Amino acid sequence: MTNASAGNLPPRVTGPIPGRLSAALTRRLTRVESRNITFSSPEFPIFWRKARGSNVWDPDGNRYVDLTAGFGVAAAGHGNRRVTAAIRSQLTRLTHGLGDVHPPTAKLRLLEALANRSPVPDPRIVLTNSGSEAVEVALKTARLATGRPGVLCFTGAYHGLTYGALALTDRAHFRLPFQDQLNPHIVRVPFPTGSVRDELAVLEAALDADRGPGVGAVILEPIQGRGGIIEPPGGFLPGLAALCRRRGILLVLDEVYTGCGRTGAWFACQHEKVVPDLVCVGKALSGSLPIAACLGSSSVMLAWPESTGEAIHTSTFLGNPLACAAATASLHEIGRRNLPERAASLGARWMQDLSAVGERHSEVREVRGQGLLVGVELIDPETGAPATKLAGRIVREALGRGWILLADGPSANVIALTPPLTISRELLVRATEMLDDLLSGAGRVG
C-alpha cells in the first residue's frame, strides 16, 4: 500500500492558514452556532473537507497530518476502507431500528464482538451514543448494585459533560456554572503520583471520612487524557482493585480514551492484569460514528431489573445499525492489523525520539505516556510555571505548517499526541523534527 492510499502523506500547505474558504465558512458558522462551541480567531479554525488515514484536507486544498486522530477516534485511520465499506453495506439494508424493542441484527453482532474483546469476563453490555453516556450507565449500575449514591473520583479527571459525568470531571471551567445541579455525593482525591502505599492510604482515609461510607464506586482513567496524559505509579491500579474488593466498592475504569489499542494493549488495565467491575469504552470503538458502551461483569449487571417491556435506561438511537456496523468493523480492523502491538512498538520509539528533543529544550519538563498516547509537558524554564502561551503558540504554528495538534491539561500546557495507530514511522520522525524546530523558535516553514 502506498503512502497516498494509506493516508500517510506529509503536510502540503499552499497558502495562509486558515485559507480563504475556511475563513468564509467560519464566518458562516458564527452566525448559526452557539458562541460557546467553536473557538475562532484569525488563526483558527480550519474546516475539514475529507480525511484518509493520518491525513486531513481543508476546502482550500491544504493537506495536514492529524496528530489527534480526531480526539482519539480514528485509531484505524480516518476513512478506513473496511469500516467505510461496512457502513456502506449497512446503509443499503437498514439505517435505524427499534434498538430495545425489536433489535437490529447489527446490534447483536457488535455486542458479541465487544464481549470477545472485553477486559471483564462474561460481560453484559449497555450500548450508548457517547462516552459520557457510558459513564452515566456505570454510575447508575453502581447505585443499583451497591445501594450507595457516592462516587470517589480524582483531580484532573475528565469523564464527560453530561450531568452525572460532569460531577466527576475535575475542571472548574466545566463544573462551576452548573455546580448547584450536580450530584453532591462526590468524594474527590488527588490523582496518584507518589508511592503506591501512600496513595492507597489517602484513599483509605477518604473512605473512612464522613462521606466515605456512602461511596459505592471508584472511577478512574487508567491514564488521564484531557488531564494532561498523566499515569498513576506502577502497582497503583492493582492496589486500588484490591481495596475496592475489600470494601465492597465497584471499580469503574473509564477507558473511553485509552481503550481499543491506544496504549499498546486492547485496554490499558490489561498492562497490569487488572479486571474492573465496569469499564467504559468509546471514541475508537467505531472509529467514525457516535457509539460507546459500558461493559460490566454479569454479577454486577444483574442489579438492573429484567425488562418488562420498558427499559429504565435506554435511548432512541440505542444500537443504531450504522454505528454498530462501523464499530464491529473497527474492532475487526484493530485486531486484524495488530494495532495495539503496533502502538506499543511505534510509541516506544517515538517516546525515545521525543525525550531526546526534550533534553535539548529546557521548556520541556517531561515526555510521558504509553503506546501512542503521549504528552509533552511545557514549562517556563525560569519559574517552572506551566507554559500555556508557548503550548498555544506551538499548536497555532504547527497548524500553519500542516500539523494538527491539541494542548491539554488543566493549564493547557501539555502537547497531546494521539495520532492514528496506522500512522507511519516516517511521519512520526517528521513530527518530531517539527516540534524540535518550533521549540527552537527557528520559524521556518515546512
Protein backbone atom coordinates (compact mmCIF):
# COMPACT_ATOMS: atom_id res chain seq x y z
CA MET A 1 0.00 0.00 0.00
CA THR A 2 1.40 3.41 -0.95
CA ASN A 3 1.66 6.33 1.47
CA ALA A 4 -1.03 8.09 -0.54
CA SER A 5 -3.55 5.25 -0.34
CA ALA A 6 -2.71 4.68 3.34
CA GLY A 7 -3.15 8.35 4.19
CA ASN A 8 0.47 8.78 5.30
CA LEU A 9 1.47 11.74 3.16
CA PRO A 10 3.43 14.68 4.61
CA PRO A 11 1.77 18.08 5.01
CA ARG A 12 1.29 20.31 1.98
CA VAL A 13 0.36 23.92 2.67
CA THR A 14 -0.13 26.24 -0.30
CA GLY A 15 -1.03 29.50 1.41
CA PRO A 16 -2.02 31.21 4.65
CA ILE A 17 -3.82 29.11 7.27
CA PRO A 18 -6.76 29.29 7.56
CA GLY A 19 -7.31 29.75 3.85
CA ARG A 20 -9.93 31.91 2.19
CA LEU A 21 -12.61 29.21 2.10
CA SER A 22 -12.09 28.07 5.71
CA ALA A 23 -12.28 31.69 6.85
CA ALA A 24 -15.52 32.19 4.94
CA LEU A 25 -17.01 29.05 6.45
CA THR A 26 -16.04 30.24 9.94
CA ARG A 27 -17.93 33.49 9.36
CA ARG A 28 -21.00 31.49 8.35
CA LEU A 29 -20.62 29.20 11.37
CA THR A 30 -20.54 32.06 13.86
CA ARG A 31 -23.90 33.26 12.54
CA VAL A 32 -25.68 30.00 13.41
CA GLU A 33 -23.78 28.13 16.14
CA SER A 34 -23.73 28.95 19.85
CA ARG A 35 -20.68 31.09 20.55
CA ASN A 36 -19.65 28.63 23.29
CA ILE A 37 -18.83 25.80 20.88
CA THR A 38 -16.15 26.58 18.28
CA PHE A 39 -13.25 28.88 19.12
CA SER A 40 -12.42 31.23 16.28
CA SER A 41 -9.61 33.71 15.73
CA PRO A 42 -7.61 34.93 12.74
CA GLU A 43 -5.57 31.70 13.08
CA PHE A 44 -8.39 29.24 13.87
CA PRO A 45 -10.16 27.05 12.81
CA ILE A 46 -9.67 25.19 9.57
CA PHE A 47 -12.62 23.26 8.20
CA TRP A 48 -12.22 19.60 7.36
CA ARG A 49 -13.29 18.59 3.85
CA LYS A 50 -12.07 14.98 3.72
CA ALA A 51 -9.69 12.65 5.56
CA ARG A 52 -7.81 9.43 4.91
CA GLY A 53 -5.50 7.58 7.28
CA SER A 54 -3.47 10.25 9.06
CA ASN A 55 -4.25 12.98 6.53
CA VAL A 56 -6.90 15.70 6.55
CA TRP A 57 -7.69 18.11 3.71
CA ASP A 58 -9.34 21.51 4.08
CA PRO A 59 -11.56 23.25 1.49
CA ASP A 60 -8.59 25.33 0.28
CA GLY A 61 -6.70 22.21 -0.81
CA ASN A 62 -4.18 22.14 2.04
CA ARG A 63 -3.17 18.73 3.36
CA TYR A 64 -2.49 18.14 7.06
CA VAL A 65 -1.26 15.36 9.30
CA ASP A 66 -3.67 14.79 12.17
CA LEU A 67 -1.74 14.03 15.35
CA THR A 68 -5.01 13.91 17.33
CA ALA A 69 -6.82 11.10 15.43
CA GLY A 70 -9.91 13.28 15.74
CA PHE A 71 -9.90 13.25 19.57
CA GLY A 72 -8.57 9.68 19.52
CA VAL A 73 -11.41 8.30 17.41
CA ALA A 74 -9.59 7.28 14.22
CA ALA A 75 -7.44 4.53 15.71
CA ALA A 76 -7.63 2.51 12.49
CA GLY A 77 -7.17 5.65 10.42
CA HIS A 78 -9.59 8.22 9.08
CA GLY A 79 -11.90 6.79 6.45
CA ASN A 80 -10.69 3.24 7.00
CA ARG A 81 -11.74 1.33 3.91
CA ARG A 82 -13.20 -1.68 5.70
CA VAL A 83 -15.08 0.45 8.22
CA THR A 84 -16.42 2.63 5.41
CA ALA A 85 -17.43 -0.45 3.43
CA ALA A 86 -19.30 -1.83 6.46
CA ILE A 87 -21.20 1.44 6.83
CA ARG A 88 -22.00 1.50 3.10
CA SER A 89 -23.21 -2.10 3.17
CA GLN A 90 -25.39 -1.48 6.21
CA LEU A 91 -26.72 1.71 4.65
CA THR A 92 -28.33 -0.27 1.86
CA ARG A 93 -30.17 -2.56 4.30
CA LEU A 94 -31.14 -0.73 7.49
CA THR A 95 -30.27 2.67 8.93
CA HIS A 96 -32.44 2.68 12.04
CA GLY A 97 -34.21 0.11 14.18
CA LEU A 98 -36.08 -0.33 17.45
CA GLY A 99 -32.98 -0.98 19.50
CA ASP A 100 -34.55 -2.02 22.82
CA VAL A 101 -37.77 -3.45 21.35
CA HIS A 102 -37.00 -5.16 18.02
CA PRO A 103 -33.21 -5.03 17.77
CA PRO A 104 -31.29 -4.80 14.50
CA THR A 105 -29.02 -7.78 13.85
CA ALA A 106 -26.09 -5.35 13.62
CA LYS A 107 -26.52 -4.61 17.32
CA LEU A 108 -26.13 -8.28 18.27
CA ARG A 109 -23.02 -8.66 16.10
CA LEU A 110 -21.38 -5.72 17.84
CA LEU A 111 -22.27 -6.93 21.32
CA GLU A 112 -20.72 -10.30 20.58
CA ALA A 113 -17.59 -8.76 19.06
CA LEU A 114 -17.20 -6.41 22.01
CA ALA A 115 -17.72 -9.21 24.52
CA ASN A 116 -14.91 -11.15 22.84
CA ARG A 117 -12.51 -8.25 23.49
CA SER A 118 -13.81 -7.31 26.93
CA PRO A 119 -11.38 -6.96 29.86
CA VAL A 120 -14.32 -8.03 32.04
CA PRO A 121 -15.05 -11.79 31.82
CA ASP A 122 -18.54 -12.81 30.70
CA PRO A 123 -19.72 -9.20 30.37
CA ARG A 124 -23.18 -7.76 29.99
CA ILE A 125 -23.17 -4.61 27.89
CA VAL A 126 -25.20 -1.43 27.52
CA LEU A 127 -24.63 0.46 24.28
CA THR A 128 -24.75 4.25 24.33
CA ASN A 129 -24.26 7.13 21.92
CA SER A 130 -21.23 8.72 23.62
CA GLY A 131 -18.55 8.11 26.22
CA SER A 132 -20.29 10.46 28.63
CA GLU A 133 -23.44 8.36 28.40
CA ALA A 134 -21.41 5.20 29.04
CA VAL A 135 -20.19 6.83 32.27
CA GLU A 136 -23.82 7.60 33.16
CA VAL A 137 -24.65 3.91 32.76
CA ALA A 138 -21.73 2.98 35.03
CA LEU A 139 -22.94 5.41 37.70
CA LYS A 140 -26.49 4.04 37.57
CA THR A 141 -25.18 0.48 37.70
CA ALA A 142 -23.10 1.24 40.78
CA ARG A 143 -26.09 2.82 42.51
CA LEU A 144 -28.28 -0.18 41.75
CA ALA A 145 -25.64 -2.74 42.72
CA THR A 146 -24.41 -1.17 45.96
CA GLY A 147 -27.33 0.95 47.12
CA ARG A 148 -24.88 3.81 47.70
CA PRO A 149 -25.02 7.13 45.82
CA GLY A 150 -21.43 8.25 46.42
CA VAL A 151 -18.59 8.11 43.90
CA LEU A 152 -14.89 8.61 44.58
CA CYS A 153 -13.06 10.31 41.72
CA PHE A 154 -9.75 12.08 41.13
CA THR A 155 -8.34 15.51 40.49
CA GLY A 156 -7.52 16.10 36.84
CA ALA A 157 -10.25 13.68 35.74
CA TYR A 158 -12.32 14.12 32.62
CA HIS A 159 -15.34 11.83 32.33
CA GLY A 160 -17.62 13.91 30.11
CA LEU A 161 -20.05 16.81 30.37
CA THR A 162 -23.47 15.21 30.88
CA TYR A 163 -24.62 15.87 34.44
CA GLY A 164 -23.61 12.62 36.10
CA ALA A 165 -20.24 12.60 34.35
CA LEU A 166 -19.77 16.33 34.85
CA ALA A 167 -19.93 15.94 38.63
CA LEU A 168 -16.84 13.71 38.32
CA THR A 169 -14.96 15.88 35.84
CA ASP A 170 -12.38 17.99 37.64
CA ARG A 171 -12.16 21.32 35.93
CA ALA A 172 -13.90 24.38 37.33
CA HIS A 173 -14.36 25.77 33.82
CA PHE A 174 -16.79 22.94 33.09
CA ARG A 175 -18.37 22.40 36.50
CA LEU A 176 -18.88 25.72 38.23
CA PRO A 177 -21.69 27.12 36.04
CA PHE A 178 -23.78 24.06 36.95
CA GLN A 179 -22.44 23.20 40.40
CA ASP A 180 -25.76 23.60 42.19
CA GLN A 181 -27.35 20.93 39.95
CA LEU A 182 -24.61 18.30 40.34
CA ASN A 183 -24.50 15.16 42.47
CA PRO A 184 -23.44 16.21 46.00
CA HIS A 185 -22.24 12.70 46.91
CA ILE A 186 -18.83 13.07 45.27
CA VAL A 187 -15.54 12.45 47.06
CA ARG A 188 -12.54 13.82 45.16
CA VAL A 189 -8.95 12.89 45.98
CA PRO A 190 -5.63 13.79 44.32
CA PHE A 191 -4.69 11.70 41.32
CA PRO A 192 -1.93 9.33 42.44
CA THR A 193 1.63 10.38 41.61
CA GLY A 194 3.59 9.25 44.68
CA SER A 195 4.32 5.89 46.25
CA VAL A 196 1.59 3.28 45.92
CA ARG A 197 1.42 2.75 49.68
CA ASP A 198 0.97 6.47 50.37
CA GLU A 199 -1.59 6.94 47.62
CA LEU A 200 -3.70 3.99 48.77
CA ALA A 201 -3.53 5.36 52.32
CA VAL A 202 -5.03 8.61 51.02
CA LEU A 203 -7.91 6.65 49.54
CA GLU A 204 -8.45 4.68 52.73
CA ALA A 205 -8.58 7.93 54.71
CA ALA A 206 -11.09 9.45 52.30
CA LEU A 207 -13.30 6.36 52.53
CA ASP A 208 -13.10 6.45 56.32
CA ALA A 209 -14.12 10.13 56.43
CA ASP A 210 -17.66 11.49 56.76
CA ARG A 211 -18.87 10.82 53.21
CA GLY A 212 -16.81 7.68 52.67
CA PRO A 213 -19.44 5.15 53.81
CA GLY A 214 -21.77 6.41 51.06
CA VAL A 215 -19.27 5.62 48.28
CA GLY A 216 -20.37 2.75 46.05
CA ALA A 217 -17.92 3.25 43.19
CA VAL A 218 -14.43 4.50 42.41
CA ILE A 219 -13.95 5.78 38.87
CA LEU A 220 -10.55 6.26 37.30
CA GLU A 221 -8.94 6.80 33.91
CA PRO A 222 -6.01 4.35 33.75
CA ILE A 223 -4.14 7.21 32.07
CA GLN A 224 -5.68 10.65 32.26
CA GLY A 225 -6.18 12.03 28.77
CA ARG A 226 -7.50 15.55 28.92
CA GLY A 227 -5.89 15.86 32.33
CA GLY A 228 -2.53 16.04 30.59
CA ILE A 229 -1.55 12.40 29.83
CA ILE A 230 -0.93 11.54 33.49
CA GLU A 231 -0.14 7.98 34.56
CA PRO A 232 -0.54 6.56 38.07
CA PRO A 233 2.51 4.83 39.55
CA GLY A 234 3.01 1.19 38.61
CA GLY A 235 1.15 -1.07 41.00
CA PHE A 236 -1.46 1.51 41.96
CA LEU A 237 -4.20 0.06 39.79
CA PRO A 238 -3.89 -3.48 41.23
CA GLY A 239 -3.79 -1.98 44.72
CA LEU A 240 -6.90 0.06 44.00
CA ALA A 241 -8.71 -3.01 42.69
CA ALA A 242 -7.86 -4.93 45.86
CA LEU A 243 -9.00 -2.02 48.05
CA CYS A 244 -12.33 -1.86 46.20
CA ARG A 245 -12.92 -5.59 46.58
CA ARG A 246 -12.12 -5.43 50.29
CA ARG A 247 -14.61 -2.63 50.88
CA GLY A 248 -17.37 -3.83 48.56
CA ILE A 249 -16.91 -0.87 46.22
CA LEU A 250 -17.19 -1.19 42.44
CA LEU A 251 -14.14 -0.28 40.38
CA VAL A 252 -15.13 1.65 37.25
CA LEU A 253 -12.44 2.26 34.64
CA ASP A 254 -13.07 4.99 32.10
CA GLU A 255 -11.26 3.66 29.02
CA VAL A 256 -13.09 5.85 26.54
CA TYR A 257 -9.73 7.38 25.56
CA THR A 258 -7.33 4.54 26.42
CA GLY A 259 -9.33 1.61 25.06
CA CYS A 260 -9.20 -0.12 21.67
CA GLY A 261 -5.42 -0.34 21.43
CA ARG A 262 -4.33 3.23 22.09
CA THR A 263 -1.85 2.40 24.87
CA GLY A 264 -0.39 -0.77 23.35
CA ALA A 265 -2.97 -3.18 24.75
CA TRP A 266 -6.64 -3.57 23.92
CA PHE A 267 -7.38 -1.90 27.27
CA ALA A 268 -4.93 -0.02 29.46
CA CYS A 269 -5.94 -2.02 32.54
CA GLN A 270 -4.57 -5.13 30.86
CA HIS A 271 -1.00 -3.88 31.22
CA GLU A 272 -1.25 -4.75 34.92
CA LYS A 273 -3.82 -7.53 34.58
CA VAL A 274 -6.48 -5.54 36.44
CA VAL A 275 -10.09 -6.68 35.98
CA PRO A 276 -12.59 -3.88 36.70
CA ASP A 277 -16.21 -4.33 37.65
CA LEU A 278 -17.28 -1.88 34.97
CA VAL A 279 -15.44 -0.39 32.00
CA CYS A 280 -16.49 2.40 29.67
CA VAL A 281 -15.34 2.41 26.06
CA GLY A 282 -15.96 4.80 23.18
CA LYS A 283 -14.07 7.03 20.72
CA ALA A 284 -12.10 4.44 18.70
CA LEU A 285 -14.86 1.85 19.21
CA SER A 286 -16.33 2.76 15.84
CA GLY A 287 -13.57 4.98 14.51
CA SER A 288 -16.24 7.06 12.84
CA LEU A 289 -19.84 7.22 14.08
CA PRO A 290 -21.16 8.07 17.56
CA ILE A 291 -21.30 4.96 19.72
CA ALA A 292 -19.92 3.86 23.09
CA ALA A 293 -20.59 1.19 25.68
CA CYS A 294 -20.48 0.27 29.34
CA LEU A 295 -19.35 -3.30 29.96
CA GLY A 296 -19.91 -4.92 33.34
CA SER A 297 -19.48 -8.30 34.95
CA SER A 298 -22.61 -10.42 34.76
CA SER A 299 -22.99 -10.44 38.55
CA VAL A 300 -22.85 -6.64 38.81
CA MET A 301 -25.14 -6.08 35.83
CA LEU A 302 -27.78 -8.32 37.43
CA ALA A 303 -28.53 -5.28 39.56
CA TRP A 304 -30.51 -3.97 36.61
CA PRO A 305 -34.08 -5.31 36.62
CA GLU A 306 -35.20 -7.53 33.79
CA SER A 307 -37.06 -5.64 31.10
CA THR A 308 -40.82 -5.95 31.31
CA GLY A 309 -41.29 -4.02 28.08
CA GLU A 310 -39.96 -0.69 29.32
CA ALA A 311 -36.22 -0.35 29.96
CA ILE A 312 -35.28 2.09 32.73
CA HIS A 313 -32.23 3.23 30.80
CA THR A 314 -32.38 3.47 27.02
CA SER A 315 -32.43 5.95 24.15
CA THR A 316 -33.99 6.28 20.72
CA PHE A 317 -30.75 5.57 18.85
CA LEU A 318 -29.51 2.77 21.11
CA GLY A 319 -27.76 0.22 18.92
CA ASN A 320 -28.07 2.28 15.76
CA PRO A 321 -27.29 -0.22 12.98
CA LEU A 322 -24.92 2.08 11.07
CA ALA A 323 -22.87 2.81 14.18
CA CYS A 324 -22.94 -0.86 15.20
CA ALA A 325 -21.72 -1.97 11.78
CA ALA A 326 -18.93 0.61 11.93
CA ALA A 327 -17.90 -0.47 15.43
CA THR A 328 -17.86 -4.17 14.55
CA ALA A 329 -15.67 -3.42 11.55
CA SER A 330 -13.43 -1.12 13.60
CA LEU A 331 -12.83 -3.80 16.23
CA HIS A 332 -12.03 -6.27 13.47
CA GLU A 333 -9.59 -3.85 11.81
CA ILE A 334 -7.78 -3.08 15.05
CA GLY A 335 -7.32 -6.79 15.64
CA ARG A 336 -6.58 -7.78 12.03
CA ARG A 337 -3.81 -5.19 11.74
CA ASN A 338 -2.42 -5.84 15.23
CA LEU A 339 -2.75 -2.15 16.02
CA PRO A 340 -2.35 -2.47 19.81
CA GLU A 341 1.01 -4.19 19.27
CA ARG A 342 1.92 -1.60 16.65
CA ALA A 343 1.05 1.23 19.04
CA ALA A 344 3.31 -0.34 21.67
CA SER A 345 6.37 -0.65 19.44
CA LEU A 346 5.89 2.55 17.45
CA GLY A 347 5.07 4.52 20.59
CA ALA A 348 8.17 3.30 22.43
CA ARG A 349 10.45 4.51 19.62
CA TRP A 350 8.61 7.82 19.35
CA MET A 351 8.89 8.40 23.09
CA GLN A 352 12.65 7.95 22.80
CA ASP A 353 12.83 10.47 19.96
CA LEU A 354 10.66 13.00 21.79
CA SER A 355 12.61 12.54 25.00
CA ALA A 356 15.80 13.35 23.09
CA VAL A 357 14.13 16.55 21.88
CA GLY A 358 13.10 17.32 25.45
CA GLU A 359 16.70 17.05 26.62
CA ARG A 360 17.64 19.80 24.16
CA HIS A 361 14.95 22.22 25.31
CA SER A 362 14.60 23.48 28.86
CA GLU A 363 10.93 24.27 28.16
CA VAL A 364 10.14 20.54 28.13
CA ARG A 365 9.55 19.33 31.65
CA GLU A 366 8.59 15.77 30.74
CA VAL A 367 7.64 13.45 27.91
CA ARG A 368 5.28 10.77 29.16
CA GLY A 369 2.62 8.29 28.16
CA GLN A 370 2.15 4.79 26.86
CA GLY A 371 1.75 3.45 23.35
CA LEU A 372 0.51 6.23 21.09
CA LEU A 373 -0.92 8.27 23.96
CA VAL A 374 1.91 10.73 24.53
CA GLY A 375 2.16 14.07 26.33
CA VAL A 376 4.91 16.69 26.11
CA GLU A 377 4.62 18.97 29.14
CA LEU A 378 5.91 22.52 28.64
CA ILE A 379 7.01 24.89 31.40
CA ASP A 380 8.68 28.26 31.87
CA PRO A 381 12.30 27.18 32.46
CA GLU A 382 12.90 30.07 34.88
CA THR A 383 9.86 29.69 37.11
CA GLY A 384 8.67 26.14 36.43
CA ALA A 385 5.16 27.51 35.80
CA PRO A 386 3.01 25.91 33.09
CA ALA A 387 3.95 27.34 29.69
CA THR A 388 0.38 27.79 28.47
CA LYS A 389 1.21 30.53 25.96
CA LEU A 390 4.08 28.53 24.49
CA ALA A 391 1.86 25.47 24.05
CA GLY A 392 -0.77 27.60 22.34
CA ARG A 393 1.84 29.12 20.03
CA ILE A 394 3.14 25.68 19.09
CA VAL A 395 -0.39 24.45 18.30
CA ARG A 396 -1.02 27.51 16.08
CA GLU A 397 2.34 27.44 14.32
CA ALA A 398 2.14 23.69 13.78
CA LEU A 399 -1.24 24.17 12.10
CA GLY A 400 0.34 26.74 9.79
CA ARG A 401 2.84 24.06 8.77
CA GLY A 402 0.16 21.42 8.24
CA TRP A 403 0.20 19.56 11.57
CA ILE A 404 -2.93 19.27 13.71
CA LEU A 405 -2.19 19.30 17.45
CA LEU A 406 -4.04 19.86 20.72
CA ALA A 407 -2.91 21.28 24.05
CA ASP A 408 -4.31 19.51 27.11
CA GLY A 409 -4.03 19.51 30.89
CA PRO A 410 -5.61 21.88 33.44
CA SER A 411 -3.26 24.66 32.25
CA ALA A 412 -3.34 23.64 28.56
CA ASN A 413 0.45 23.29 28.61
CA VAL A 414 0.73 19.65 27.55
CA ILE A 415 1.02 18.91 23.84
CA ALA A 416 -1.16 15.80 23.50
CA LEU A 417 -0.05 13.42 20.75
CA THR A 418 -2.63 10.76 19.89
CA PRO A 419 -2.23 10.01 16.17
CA PRO A 420 -3.98 7.20 14.31
CA LEU A 421 -2.42 3.86 15.20
CA THR A 422 -1.83 3.40 11.47
CA ILE A 423 0.48 6.41 11.15
CA SER A 424 3.84 5.72 9.50
CA ARG A 425 7.15 5.84 11.32
CA GLU A 426 8.30 8.38 8.72
CA LEU A 427 5.54 10.83 9.66
CA LEU A 428 6.38 10.46 13.36
CA VAL A 429 10.01 11.30 12.58
CA ARG A 430 8.86 14.40 10.67
CA ALA A 431 6.54 15.34 13.54
CA THR A 432 9.43 15.11 15.98
CA GLU A 433 11.56 17.34 13.76
CA MET A 434 8.68 19.83 13.52
CA LEU A 435 8.29 20.01 17.30
CA ASP A 436 12.05 20.34 17.75
CA ASP A 437 12.08 23.20 15.27
CA LEU A 438 9.16 25.01 16.89
CA LEU A 439 10.72 24.67 20.34
CA SER A 440 13.89 26.16 18.89
CA GLY A 441 11.87 29.11 17.57
CA ALA A 442 13.54 28.77 14.19
CA GLY A 443 10.39 29.93 12.44
CA ARG A 444 11.00 28.04 9.20
CA VAL A 445 8.05 26.86 7.15
CA GLY A 446 7.97 23.18 6.14
